[in-house]
Amino acid sequence: AVDSKSPRKPCTEGLENESVPPDKNSRVNTFERWSTFAVDSKMGRLVHRGEAGAVFGELALMDETEVRKATAQCSSDCELLAVPTSAFEPVRQHIREVELRKRYFLGISVPGMKDVPEPVHNGTAHPAILFEQMLVNEGHVFIRAGVVGEPVFYVVNNGSVKFCLRQETGSGESSQVAHDILHRGGIFGCLPHPAKEPFSIIADSTPCEVYRVSGQHFRSLPEGVLEGVHEKLSTETAKRLRRICVSKRMGWEYQQQYQKRHRPKDEIAAELLSLSSRELRTRMMQG
């Protein structure tokens, strides 16, 4: 079998340790020795130019079978620090474990995430990659009341956040008063429709760690996940507003008793089906 990492064109004999071809007729090894190149090798269109501190080639550390997406070539004399795959293996294993824990947490916290299938090799990435980690201190304002915010939602991973309304004190001053607190697994964000935000949502602990999904990534989320999150945000916001802002009872507490005074649905359906109208019975049976 041919090694998939072997160069398609061999290195010129005697130039195995050279880094730059001495003439147009010679080929030398690349730094990682998986390929060779010549003076007239076509490297393709320039897509990025890195400066000091830039990192490249990191995808191979995560999956050494991954085909290179671009060629990296020195445009001047360079001093590089290289990390071999063998030395990176403990870090790679740790990253994978962290990613699996993140997926499990999102699966039990975010509506629809547990139904997302695991990605296949070279397939679409798991949507958990769209949830960016964000670490802030107590007092950080995620969402400000009275402002129409940009589409975004968050999942609390560690710490807590509070929902606040500004209220005036007896001395005429105003302060933020917390009316609700979310802990690990809680979801909050801007309203799903354009409207001024009813609450200021503020970090209530140090540290406060959340996963953030910005509006630009909404289309990349599975439809069931995005709809589930929007439904949850709308439902919880409505409950929170009713509990905090409605001071006069409107009869909602008697709704269940009112329904009990009505006849059971089964009894009504049976009576309708017993009517002499054949057309009515036929249409009702068809749904």
C-alpha atoms as a PDB file:
ATOM      1  CA  ALA A   1       0.000   0.000   0.000  1.00  0.00           C
ATOM      2  CA  VAL A   2       1.169   3.528  -0.714  1.00  0.00           C
ATOM      3  CA  ASP A   3       1.521   5.811   2.315  1.00  0.00           C
ATOM      4  CA  SER A   4      -1.005   8.644   1.912  1.00  0.00           C
ATOM      5  CA  LYS A   5       1.582  11.015   3.344  1.00  0.00           C
ATOM      6  CA  SER A   6       4.301  10.096   0.851  1.00  0.00           C
ATOM      7  CA  PRO A   7       5.211  12.841  -1.667  1.00  0.00           C
ATOM      8  CA  ARG A   8       3.639  12.414  -5.098  1.00  0.00           C
ATOM      9  CA  LYS A   9       6.902  13.617  -6.654  1.00  0.00           C
ATOM     10  CA  PRO A  10      10.229  12.553  -5.102  1.00  0.00           C
ATOM     11  CA  CYS A  11      12.857  14.848  -3.682  1.00  0.00           C
ATOM     12  CA  THR A  12      15.958  15.357  -5.837  1.00  0.00           C
ATOM     13  CA  GLU A  13      18.674  12.976  -4.679  1.00  0.00           C
ATOM     14  CA  GLY A  14      21.195  14.668  -2.413  1.00  0.00           C
ATOM     15  CA  LEU A  15      18.820  17.534  -1.499  1.00  0.00           C
ATOM     16  CA  GLU A  16      16.868  15.726   1.246  1.00  0.00           C
ATOM     17  CA  ASN A  17      17.916  18.242   3.911  1.00  0.00           C
ATOM     18  CA  GLU A  18      17.641  21.401   1.820  1.00  0.00           C
ATOM     19  CA  SER A  19      14.765  23.836   2.427  1.00  0.00           C
ATOM     20  CA  VAL A  20      14.988  25.872  -0.810  1.00  0.00           C
ATOM     21  CA  PRO A  21      15.491  24.445  -4.337  1.00  0.00           C
ATOM     22  CA  PRO A  22      18.921  25.525  -5.676  1.00  0.00           C
ATOM     23  CA  ASP A  23      17.688  25.604  -9.296  1.00  0.00           C
ATOM     24  CA  LYS A  24      14.622  25.116 -11.489  1.00  0.00           C
ATOM     25  CA  ASN A  25      15.324  21.424 -12.029  1.00  0.00           C
ATOM     26  CA  SER A  26      15.413  20.474  -8.340  1.00  0.00           C
ATOM     27  CA  ARG A  27      12.752  19.466  -5.824  1.00  0.00           C
ATOM     28  CA  VAL A  28      13.169  19.628  -2.050  1.00  0.00           C
ATOM     29  CA  ASN A  29      11.061  18.410   0.878  1.00  0.00           C
ATOM     30  CA  THR A  30       8.561  20.599   2.654  1.00  0.00           C
ATOM     31  CA  PHE A  31       9.229  21.221   6.352  1.00  0.00           C
ATOM     32  CA  GLU A  32       6.974  18.352   7.458  1.00  0.00           C
ATOM     33  CA  ARG A  33       8.406  16.125   4.674  1.00  0.00           C
ATOM     34  CA  TRP A  34       4.994  14.996   3.435  1.00  0.00           C
ATOM     35  CA  SER A  35       5.476  16.655   0.064  1.00  0.00           C
ATOM     36  CA  THR A  36       8.043  18.279  -2.202  1.00  0.00           C
ATOM     37  CA  PHE A  37       8.164  21.465  -4.217  1.00  0.00           C
ATOM     38  CA  ALA A  38      10.207  23.207  -6.908  1.00  0.00           C
ATOM     39  CA  VAL A  39      10.953  26.789  -7.858  1.00  0.00           C
ATOM     40  CA  ASP A  40       8.093  26.821 -10.388  1.00  0.00           C
ATOM     41  CA  SER A  41       5.529  25.010  -8.185  1.00  0.00           C
ATOM     42  CA  LYS A  42       2.094  26.648  -8.385  1.00  0.00           C
ATOM     43  CA  MET A  43       1.041  27.519  -4.817  1.00  0.00           C
ATOM     44  CA  GLY A  44      -2.299  29.058  -5.787  1.00  0.00           C
ATOM     45  CA  ARG A  45      -3.931  32.382  -4.914  1.00  0.00           C
ATOM     46  CA  LEU A  46      -2.675  34.272  -1.853  1.00  0.00           C
ATOM     47  CA  VAL A  47      -5.460  34.166   0.764  1.00  0.00           C
ATOM     48  CA  HIS A  48      -3.663  35.338   3.914  1.00  0.00           C
ATOM     49  CA  ARG A  49      -0.353  36.777   5.037  1.00  0.00           C
ATOM     50  CA  GLY A  50       0.669  35.980   8.617  1.00  0.00           C
ATOM     51  CA  GLU A  51       2.835  38.084  10.898  1.00  0.00           C
ATOM     52  CA  ALA A  52       4.700  37.350  14.133  1.00  0.00           C
ATOM     53  CA  GLY A  53       2.439  35.413  16.498  1.00  0.00           C
ATOM     54  CA  ALA A  54       0.277  33.902  13.743  1.00  0.00           C
ATOM     55  CA  VAL A  55      -0.675  30.228  14.023  1.00  0.00           C
ATOM     56  CA  PHE A  56      -1.106  27.919  11.036  1.00  0.00           C
ATOM     57  CA  GLY A  57      -1.308  24.189  10.354  1.00  0.00           C
ATOM     58  CA  GLU A  58      -3.264  23.579  13.570  1.00  0.00           C
ATOM     59  CA  LEU A  59      -5.986  21.503  11.891  1.00  0.00           C
ATOM     60  CA  ALA A  60      -3.528  18.656  11.360  1.00  0.00           C
ATOM     61  CA  LEU A  61      -2.970  18.535  15.121  1.00  0.00           C
ATOM     62  CA  MET A  62      -6.647  17.710  15.608  1.00  0.00           C
ATOM     63  CA  ASP A  63      -6.912  15.251  12.703  1.00  0.00           C
ATOM     64  CA  GLU A  64      -3.735  14.172  10.938  1.00  0.00           C
ATOM     65  CA  THR A  65      -5.761  12.497   8.166  1.00  0.00           C
ATOM     66  CA  GLU A  66      -7.324  15.848   7.194  1.00  0.00           C
ATOM     67  CA  VAL A  67      -6.293  17.084   3.739  1.00  0.00           C
ATOM     68  CA  ARG A  68      -4.488  20.423   3.811  1.00  0.00           C
ATOM     69  CA  LYS A  69      -6.719  23.311   2.763  1.00  0.00           C
ATOM     70  CA  ALA A  70      -3.880  25.701   1.904  1.00  0.00           C
ATOM     71  CA  THR A  71      -0.132  25.904   1.336  1.00  0.00           C
ATOM     72  CA  ALA A  72       2.061  27.890   3.756  1.00  0.00           C
ATOM     73  CA  GLN A  73       5.239  29.385   2.298  1.00  0.00           C
ATOM     74  CA  CYS A  74       7.814  31.699   3.876  1.00  0.00           C
ATOM     75  CA  SER A  75       7.838  35.121   2.211  1.00  0.00           C
ATOM     76  CA  SER A  76      11.001  36.094   4.122  1.00  0.00           C
ATOM     77  CA  ASP A  77      13.523  34.521   6.488  1.00  0.00           C
ATOM     78  CA  CYS A  78      11.492  33.165   9.413  1.00  0.00           C
ATOM     79  CA  GLU A  79      11.986  31.630  12.838  1.00  0.00           C
ATOM     80  CA  LEU A  80       9.187  29.197  13.698  1.00  0.00           C
ATOM     81  CA  LEU A  81       8.117  27.149  16.695  1.00  0.00           C
ATOM     82  CA  ALA A  82       6.739  23.741  15.666  1.00  0.00           C
ATOM     83  CA  VAL A  83       4.538  21.451  17.758  1.00  0.00           C
ATOM     84  CA  PRO A  84       4.588  17.789  16.667  1.00  0.00           C
ATOM     85  CA  THR A  85       1.372  15.778  16.822  1.00  0.00           C
ATOM     86  CA  SER A  86       2.826  13.436  19.457  1.00  0.00           C
ATOM     87  CA  ALA A  87       3.449  16.326  21.862  1.00  0.00           C
ATOM     88  CA  PHE A  88       0.002  17.765  21.212  1.00  0.00           C
ATOM     89  CA  GLU A  89      -1.849  14.494  21.846  1.00  0.00           C
ATOM     90  CA  PRO A  90      -2.624  15.171  25.564  1.00  0.00           C
ATOM     91  CA  VAL A  91      -3.981  18.625  24.642  1.00  0.00           C
ATOM     92  CA  ARG A  92      -6.043  17.159  21.797  1.00  0.00           C
ATOM     93  CA  GLN A  93      -7.542  14.552  24.115  1.00  0.00           C
ATOM     94  CA  HIS A  94      -8.422  17.239  26.659  1.00  0.00           C
ATOM     95  CA  ILE A  95     -10.079  19.396  23.970  1.00  0.00           C
ATOM     96  CA  ARG A  96     -12.185  16.447  22.826  1.00  0.00           C
ATOM     97  CA  GLU A  97     -13.291  15.692  26.385  1.00  0.00           C
ATOM     98  CA  VAL A  98     -14.247  19.345  26.939  1.00  0.00           C
ATOM     99  CA  GLU A  99     -16.202  19.352  23.673  1.00  0.00           C
ATOM    100  CA  LEU A 100     -18.103  16.185  24.636  1.00  0.00           C
ATOM    101  CA  ARG A 101     -19.022  17.681  28.028  1.00  0.00           C
ATOM    102  CA  LYS A 102     -20.176  20.845  26.262  1.00  0.00           C
ATOM    103  CA  ARG A 103     -22.396  18.853  23.876  1.00  0.00           C
ATOM    104  CA  TYR A 104     -23.918  16.895  26.736  1.00  0.00           C
ATOM    105  CA  PHE A 105     -24.649  20.070  28.695  1.00  0.00           C
ATOM    106  CA  LEU A 106     -26.231  21.792  25.686  1.00  0.00           C
ATOM    107  CA  GLY A 107     -28.204  18.641  24.950  1.00  0.00           C
ATOM    108  CA  ILE A 108     -29.973  18.774  28.313  1.00  0.00           C
ATOM    109  CA  SER A 109     -30.279  22.581  28.422  1.00  0.00           C
ATOM    110  CA  VAL A 110     -31.163  23.734  24.897  1.00  0.00           C
ATOM    111  CA  PRO A 111     -34.463  22.615  23.309  1.00  0.00           C
ATOM    112  CA  GLY A 112     -33.880  20.310  20.344  1.00  0.00           C
ATOM    113  CA  MET A 113     -30.123  19.875  20.832  1.00  0.00           C
ATOM    114  CA  LYS A 114     -30.387  16.321  22.149  1.00  0.00           C
ATOM    115  CA  ASP A 115     -32.021  15.284  18.858  1.00  0.00           C
ATOM    116  CA  VAL A 116     -29.108  16.531  16.722  1.00  0.00           C
ATOM    117  CA  PRO A 117     -27.165  13.536  15.324  1.00  0.00           C
ATOM    118  CA  GLU A 118     -23.457  13.194  15.868  1.00  0.00           C
ATOM    119  CA  PRO A 119     -21.426  14.512  12.923  1.00  0.00           C
ATOM    120  CA  VAL A 120     -19.782  12.106  10.505  1.00  0.00           C
ATOM    121  CA  HIS A 121     -16.183  12.411   9.313  1.00  0.00           C
ATOM    122  CA  ASN A 122     -15.788  15.281   6.840  1.00  0.00           C
ATOM    123  CA  GLY A 123     -19.494  16.089   7.302  1.00  0.00           C
ATOM    124  CA  THR A 124     -21.289  19.088   8.759  1.00  0.00           C
ATOM    125  CA  ALA A 125     -19.946  20.118  12.156  1.00  0.00           C
ATOM    126  CA  HIS A 126     -22.071  19.712  15.276  1.00  0.00           C
ATOM    127  CA  PRO A 127     -24.038  22.931  16.041  1.00  0.00           C
ATOM    128  CA  ALA A 128     -22.386  23.051  19.477  1.00  0.00           C
ATOM    129  CA  ILE A 129     -19.469  24.727  17.706  1.00  0.00           C
ATOM    130  CA  LEU A 130     -21.675  27.819  17.235  1.00  0.00           C
ATOM    131  CA  PHE A 131     -21.980  28.283  21.015  1.00  0.00           C
ATOM    132  CA  GLU A 132     -19.044  30.523  21.925  1.00  0.00           C
ATOM    133  CA  GLN A 133     -17.746  30.553  25.493  1.00  0.00           C
ATOM    134  CA  MET A 134     -17.953  33.927  27.227  1.00  0.00           C
ATOM    135  CA  LEU A 135     -16.521  34.644  30.685  1.00  0.00           C
ATOM    136  CA  VAL A 136     -17.471  37.874  32.485  1.00  0.00           C
ATOM    137  CA  ASN A 137     -17.528  39.338  35.996  1.00  0.00           C
ATOM    138  CA  GLU A 138     -20.423  40.371  38.186  1.00  0.00           C
ATOM    139  CA  GLY A 139     -22.147  43.506  36.911  1.00  0.00           C
ATOM    140  CA  HIS A 140     -21.597  42.835  33.217  1.00  0.00           C
ATOM    141  CA  VAL A 141     -24.707  43.894  31.272  1.00  0.00           C
ATOM    142  CA  PHE A 142     -25.753  41.359  28.635  1.00  0.00           C
ATOM    143  CA  ILE A 143     -29.025  43.060  27.660  1.00  0.00           C
ATOM    144  CA  ARG A 144     -30.256  46.550  28.550  1.00  0.00           C
ATOM    145  CA  ALA A 145     -33.920  47.363  29.194  1.00  0.00           C
ATOM    146  CA  GLY A 146     -35.637  49.794  26.833  1.00  0.00           C
ATOM    147  CA  VAL A 147     -33.349  48.985  23.916  1.00  0.00           C
ATOM    148  CA  VAL A 148     -34.133  46.966  20.789  1.00  0.00           C
ATOM    149  CA  GLY A 149     -31.233  44.548  20.899  1.00  0.00           C
ATOM    150  CA  GLU A 150     -29.431  42.617  18.186  1.00  0.00           C
ATOM    151  CA  PRO A 151     -30.491  38.948  17.860  1.00  0.00           C
ATOM    152  CA  VAL A 152     -28.587  36.849  20.391  1.00  0.00           C
ATOM    153  CA  PHE A 153     -29.173  34.266  23.078  1.00  0.00           C
ATOM    154  CA  TYR A 154     -27.108  32.828  25.917  1.00  0.00           C
ATOM    155  CA  VAL A 155     -26.966  29.638  27.981  1.00  0.00           C
ATOM    156  CA  VAL A 156     -25.682  29.921  31.560  1.00  0.00           C
ATOM    157  CA  ASN A 157     -22.916  27.369  32.136  1.00  0.00           C
ATOM    158  CA  ASN A 158     -21.539  28.575  35.447  1.00  0.00           C
ATOM    159  CA  GLY A 159     -22.646  31.263  37.878  1.00  0.00           C
ATOM    160  CA  SER A 160     -25.895  33.201  37.558  1.00  0.00           C
ATOM    161  CA  VAL A 161     -27.578  36.169  35.868  1.00  0.00           C
ATOM    162  CA  LYS A 162     -30.337  38.425  37.147  1.00  0.00           C
ATOM    163  CA  PHE A 163     -33.307  40.132  35.482  1.00  0.00           C
ATOM    164  CA  CYS A 164     -33.608  43.712  36.684  1.00  0.00           C
ATOM    165  CA  LEU A 165     -36.033  46.634  36.474  1.00  0.00           C
ATOM    166  CA  ARG A 166     -35.041  50.165  37.377  1.00  0.00           C
ATOM    167  CA  GLN A 167     -37.127  51.456  40.266  1.00  0.00           C
ATOM    168  CA  GLU A 168     -37.133  54.754  42.121  1.00  0.00           C
ATOM    169  CA  THR A 169     -36.302  54.847  45.806  1.00  0.00           C
ATOM    170  CA  GLY A 170     -37.928  57.047  48.423  1.00  0.00           C
ATOM    171  CA  SER A 171     -35.176  59.641  48.028  1.00  0.00           C
ATOM    172  CA  GLY A 172     -35.966  60.119  44.346  1.00  0.00           C
ATOM    173  CA  GLU A 173     -32.990  58.108  43.125  1.00  0.00           C
ATOM    174  CA  SER A 174     -33.286  54.948  41.044  1.00  0.00           C
ATOM    175  CA  SER A 175     -31.566  51.588  41.184  1.00  0.00           C
ATOM    176  CA  GLN A 176     -31.677  48.224  39.466  1.00  0.00           C
ATOM    177  CA  VAL A 177     -33.890  45.806  41.389  1.00  0.00           C
ATOM    178  CA  ALA A 178     -33.499  42.079  40.668  1.00  0.00           C
ATOM    179  CA  HIS A 179     -36.794  40.265  40.058  1.00  0.00           C
ATOM    180  CA  ASP A 180     -35.526  36.905  38.789  1.00  0.00           C
ATOM    181  CA  ILE A 181     -32.287  34.902  38.718  1.00  0.00           C
ATOM    182  CA  LEU A 182     -31.136  32.214  36.289  1.00  0.00           C
ATOM    183  CA  HIS A 183     -28.555  29.586  37.184  1.00  0.00           C
ATOM    184  CA  ARG A 184     -26.726  26.858  35.250  1.00  0.00           C
ATOM    185  CA  GLY A 185     -28.762  25.633  32.281  1.00  0.00           C
ATOM    186  CA  GLY A 186     -30.914  28.775  32.072  1.00  0.00           C
ATOM    187  CA  ILE A 187     -31.444  30.409  28.670  1.00  0.00           C
ATOM    188  CA  PHE A 188     -31.874  34.135  28.111  1.00  0.00           C
ATOM    189  CA  GLY A 189     -31.534  36.545  25.233  1.00  0.00           C
ATOM    190  CA  CYS A 190     -33.177  39.223  23.148  1.00  0.00           C
ATOM    191  CA  LEU A 191     -36.841  38.870  22.291  1.00  0.00           C
ATOM    192  CA  PRO A 192     -37.447  36.830  19.113  1.00  0.00           C
ATOM    193  CA  HIS A 193     -39.253  39.815  17.533  1.00  0.00           C
ATOM    194  CA  PRO A 194     -38.123  43.471  17.231  1.00  0.00           C
ATOM    195  CA  ALA A 195     -39.200  45.118  20.486  1.00  0.00           C
ATOM    196  CA  LYS A 196     -37.684  47.044  23.354  1.00  0.00           C
ATOM    197  CA  GLU A 197     -36.285  44.718  25.961  1.00  0.00           C
ATOM    198  CA  PRO A 198     -38.389  44.671  29.159  1.00  0.00           C
ATOM    199  CA  PHE A 199     -35.496  43.734  31.497  1.00  0.00           C
ATOM    200  CA  SER A 200     -31.842  44.483  31.954  1.00  0.00           C
ATOM    201  CA  ILE A 201     -30.042  41.132  32.226  1.00  0.00           C
ATOM    202  CA  ILE A 202     -26.876  41.387  34.304  1.00  0.00           C
ATOM    203  CA  ALA A 203     -24.195  38.951  35.500  1.00  0.00           C
ATOM    204  CA  ASP A 204     -24.836  38.149  39.150  1.00  0.00           C
ATOM    205  CA  SER A 205     -21.596  36.309  39.978  1.00  0.00           C
ATOM    206  CA  THR A 206     -17.845  36.322  39.418  1.00  0.00           C
ATOM    207  CA  PRO A 207     -17.032  34.483  37.330  1.00  0.00           C
ATOM    208  CA  CYS A 208     -20.127  34.162  35.182  1.00  0.00           C
ATOM    209  CA  GLU A 209     -19.652  31.779  32.273  1.00  0.00           C
ATOM    210  CA  VAL A 210     -22.159  31.576  29.416  1.00  0.00           C
ATOM    211  CA  TYR A 211     -22.347  30.173  25.910  1.00  0.00           C
ATOM    212  CA  ARG A 212     -23.302  32.823  23.352  1.00  0.00           C
ATOM    213  CA  VAL A 213     -24.930  32.402  19.936  1.00  0.00           C
ATOM    214  CA  SER A 214     -25.074  35.614  17.888  1.00  0.00           C
ATOM    215  CA  GLY A 215     -27.736  36.331  15.291  1.00  0.00           C
ATOM    216  CA  GLN A 216     -25.333  35.806  12.406  1.00  0.00           C
ATOM    217  CA  HIS A 217     -25.203  32.105  13.337  1.00  0.00           C
ATOM    218  CA  PHE A 218     -28.966  31.582  13.688  1.00  0.00           C
ATOM    219  CA  ARG A 219     -29.316  30.278  10.131  1.00  0.00           C
ATOM    220  CA  SER A 220     -26.637  27.671  10.806  1.00  0.00           C
ATOM    221  CA  LEU A 221     -28.605  26.226  13.736  1.00  0.00           C
ATOM    222  CA  PRO A 222     -30.991  23.325  13.088  1.00  0.00           C
ATOM    223  CA  GLU A 223     -34.516  24.643  12.626  1.00  0.00           C
ATOM    224  CA  GLY A 224     -35.830  22.677  15.599  1.00  0.00           C
ATOM    225  CA  VAL A 225     -33.185  24.157  17.907  1.00  0.00           C
ATOM    226  CA  LEU A 226     -33.787  27.787  16.888  1.00  0.00           C
ATOM    227  CA  GLU A 227     -37.576  27.431  17.099  1.00  0.00           C
ATOM    228  CA  GLY A 228     -37.285  25.713  20.471  1.00  0.00           C
ATOM    229  CA  VAL A 229     -35.082  28.476  21.877  1.00  0.00           C
ATOM    230  CA  HIS A 230     -37.377  31.239  20.584  1.00  0.00           C
ATOM    231  CA  GLU A 231     -40.423  29.513  22.024  1.00  0.00           C
ATOM    232  CA  LYS A 232     -38.718  29.124  25.383  1.00  0.00           C
ATOM    233  CA  LEU A 233     -37.620  32.767  25.461  1.00  0.00           C
ATOM    234  CA  SER A 234     -41.111  34.004  24.548  1.00  0.00           C
ATOM    235  CA  THR A 235     -42.861  31.764  27.076  1.00  0.00           C
ATOM    236  CA  GLU A 236     -40.543  32.569  29.970  1.00  0.00           C
ATOM    237  CA  THR A 237     -40.608  36.310  29.218  1.00  0.00           C
ATOM    238  CA  ALA A 238     -44.415  36.314  29.210  1.00  0.00           C
ATOM    239  CA  LYS A 239     -44.546  34.450  32.544  1.00  0.00           C
ATOM    240  CA  ARG A 240     -41.957  36.754  34.056  1.00  0.00           C
ATOM    241  CA  LEU A 241     -43.807  39.896  32.964  1.00  0.00           C
ATOM    242  CA  ARG A 242     -47.133  38.590  34.227  1.00  0.00           C
ATOM    243  CA  ARG A 243     -45.662  37.630  37.593  1.00  0.00           C
ATOM    244  CA  ILE A 244     -43.715  40.854  38.100  1.00  0.00           C
ATOM    245  CA  CYS A 245     -45.677  43.564  36.311  1.00  0.00           C
ATOM    246  CA  VAL A 246     -49.359  42.587  36.660  1.00  0.00           C
ATOM    247  CA  SER A 247     -50.591  43.921  40.004  1.00  0.00           C
ATOM    248  CA  LYS A 248     -54.370  43.644  39.462  1.00  0.00           C
ATOM    249  CA  ARG A 249     -55.988  40.238  39.238  1.00  0.00           C
ATOM    250  CA  MET A 250     -57.954  39.761  36.029  1.00  0.00           C
ATOM    251  CA  GLY A 251     -59.667  36.478  36.805  1.00  0.00           C
ATOM    252  CA  TRP A 252     -56.913  34.201  35.511  1.00  0.00           C
ATOM    253  CA  GLU A 253     -56.887  32.297  38.784  1.00  0.00           C
ATOM    254  CA  TYR A 254     -60.476  31.175  38.124  1.00  0.00           C
ATOM    255  CA  GLN A 255     -59.856  29.939  34.598  1.00  0.00           C
ATOM    256  CA  GLN A 256     -59.550  26.285  35.599  1.00  0.00           C
ATOM    257  CA  GLN A 257     -62.812  26.398  37.608  1.00  0.00           C
ATOM    258  CA  TYR A 258     -64.569  28.068  34.670  1.00  0.00           C
ATOM    259  CA  GLN A 259     -63.494  25.284  32.330  1.00  0.00           C
ATOM    260  CA  LYS A 260     -64.786  22.634  34.707  1.00  0.00           C
ATOM    261  CA  ARG A 261     -68.331  23.989  34.369  1.00  0.00           C
ATOM    262  CA  HIS A 262     -68.279  23.102  30.672  1.00  0.00           C
ATOM    263  CA  ARG A 263     -69.386  19.698  29.394  1.00  0.00           C
ATOM    264  CA  PRO A 264     -66.649  17.170  28.613  1.00  0.00           C
ATOM    265  CA  LYS A 265     -65.418  17.173  25.013  1.00  0.00           C
ATOM    266  CA  ASP A 266     -66.117  13.458  24.603  1.00  0.00           C
ATOM    267  CA  GLU A 267     -69.765  13.989  25.565  1.00  0.00           C
ATOM    268  CA  ILE A 268     -70.185  16.839  23.070  1.00  0.00           C
ATOM    269  CA  ALA A 269     -68.488  14.876  20.282  1.00  0.00           C
ATOM    270  CA  ALA A 270     -70.715  11.863  20.876  1.00  0.00           C
ATOM    271  CA  GLU A 271     -73.822  14.031  20.682  1.00  0.00           C
ATOM    272  CA  LEU A 272     -72.706  15.686  17.419  1.00  0.00           C
ATOM    273  CA  LEU A 273     -72.014  12.317  15.829  1.00  0.00           C
ATOM    274  CA  SER A 274     -75.521  11.180  16.733  1.00  0.00           C
ATOM    275  CA  LEU A 275     -77.154  13.962  14.722  1.00  0.00           C
ATOM    276  CA  SER A 276     -79.031  13.006  11.566  1.00  0.00           C
ATOM    277  CA  SER A 277     -76.828  15.099   9.288  1.00  0.00           C
ATOM    278  CA  ARG A 278     -74.791  12.599   7.275  1.00  0.00           C
ATOM    279  CA  GLU A 279     -72.561  15.340   5.836  1.00  0.00           C
ATOM    280  CA  LEU A 280     -71.708  16.640   9.320  1.00  0.00           C
ATOM    281  CA  ARG A 281     -70.778  13.172  10.559  1.00  0.00           C
ATOM    282  CA  THR A 282     -68.672  12.453   7.464  1.00  0.00           C
ATOM    283  CA  ARG A 283     -66.676  15.695   7.697  1.00  0.00           C
ATOM    284  CA  MET A 284     -66.080  15.276  11.430  1.00  0.00           C
ATOM    285  CA  MET A 285     -64.737  11.749  10.929  1.00  0.00           C
ATOM    286  CA  GLN A 286     -62.413  13.064   8.225  1.00  0.00           C
ATOM    287  CA  GLY A 287     -60.962  15.637  10.655  1.00  0.00           C
END
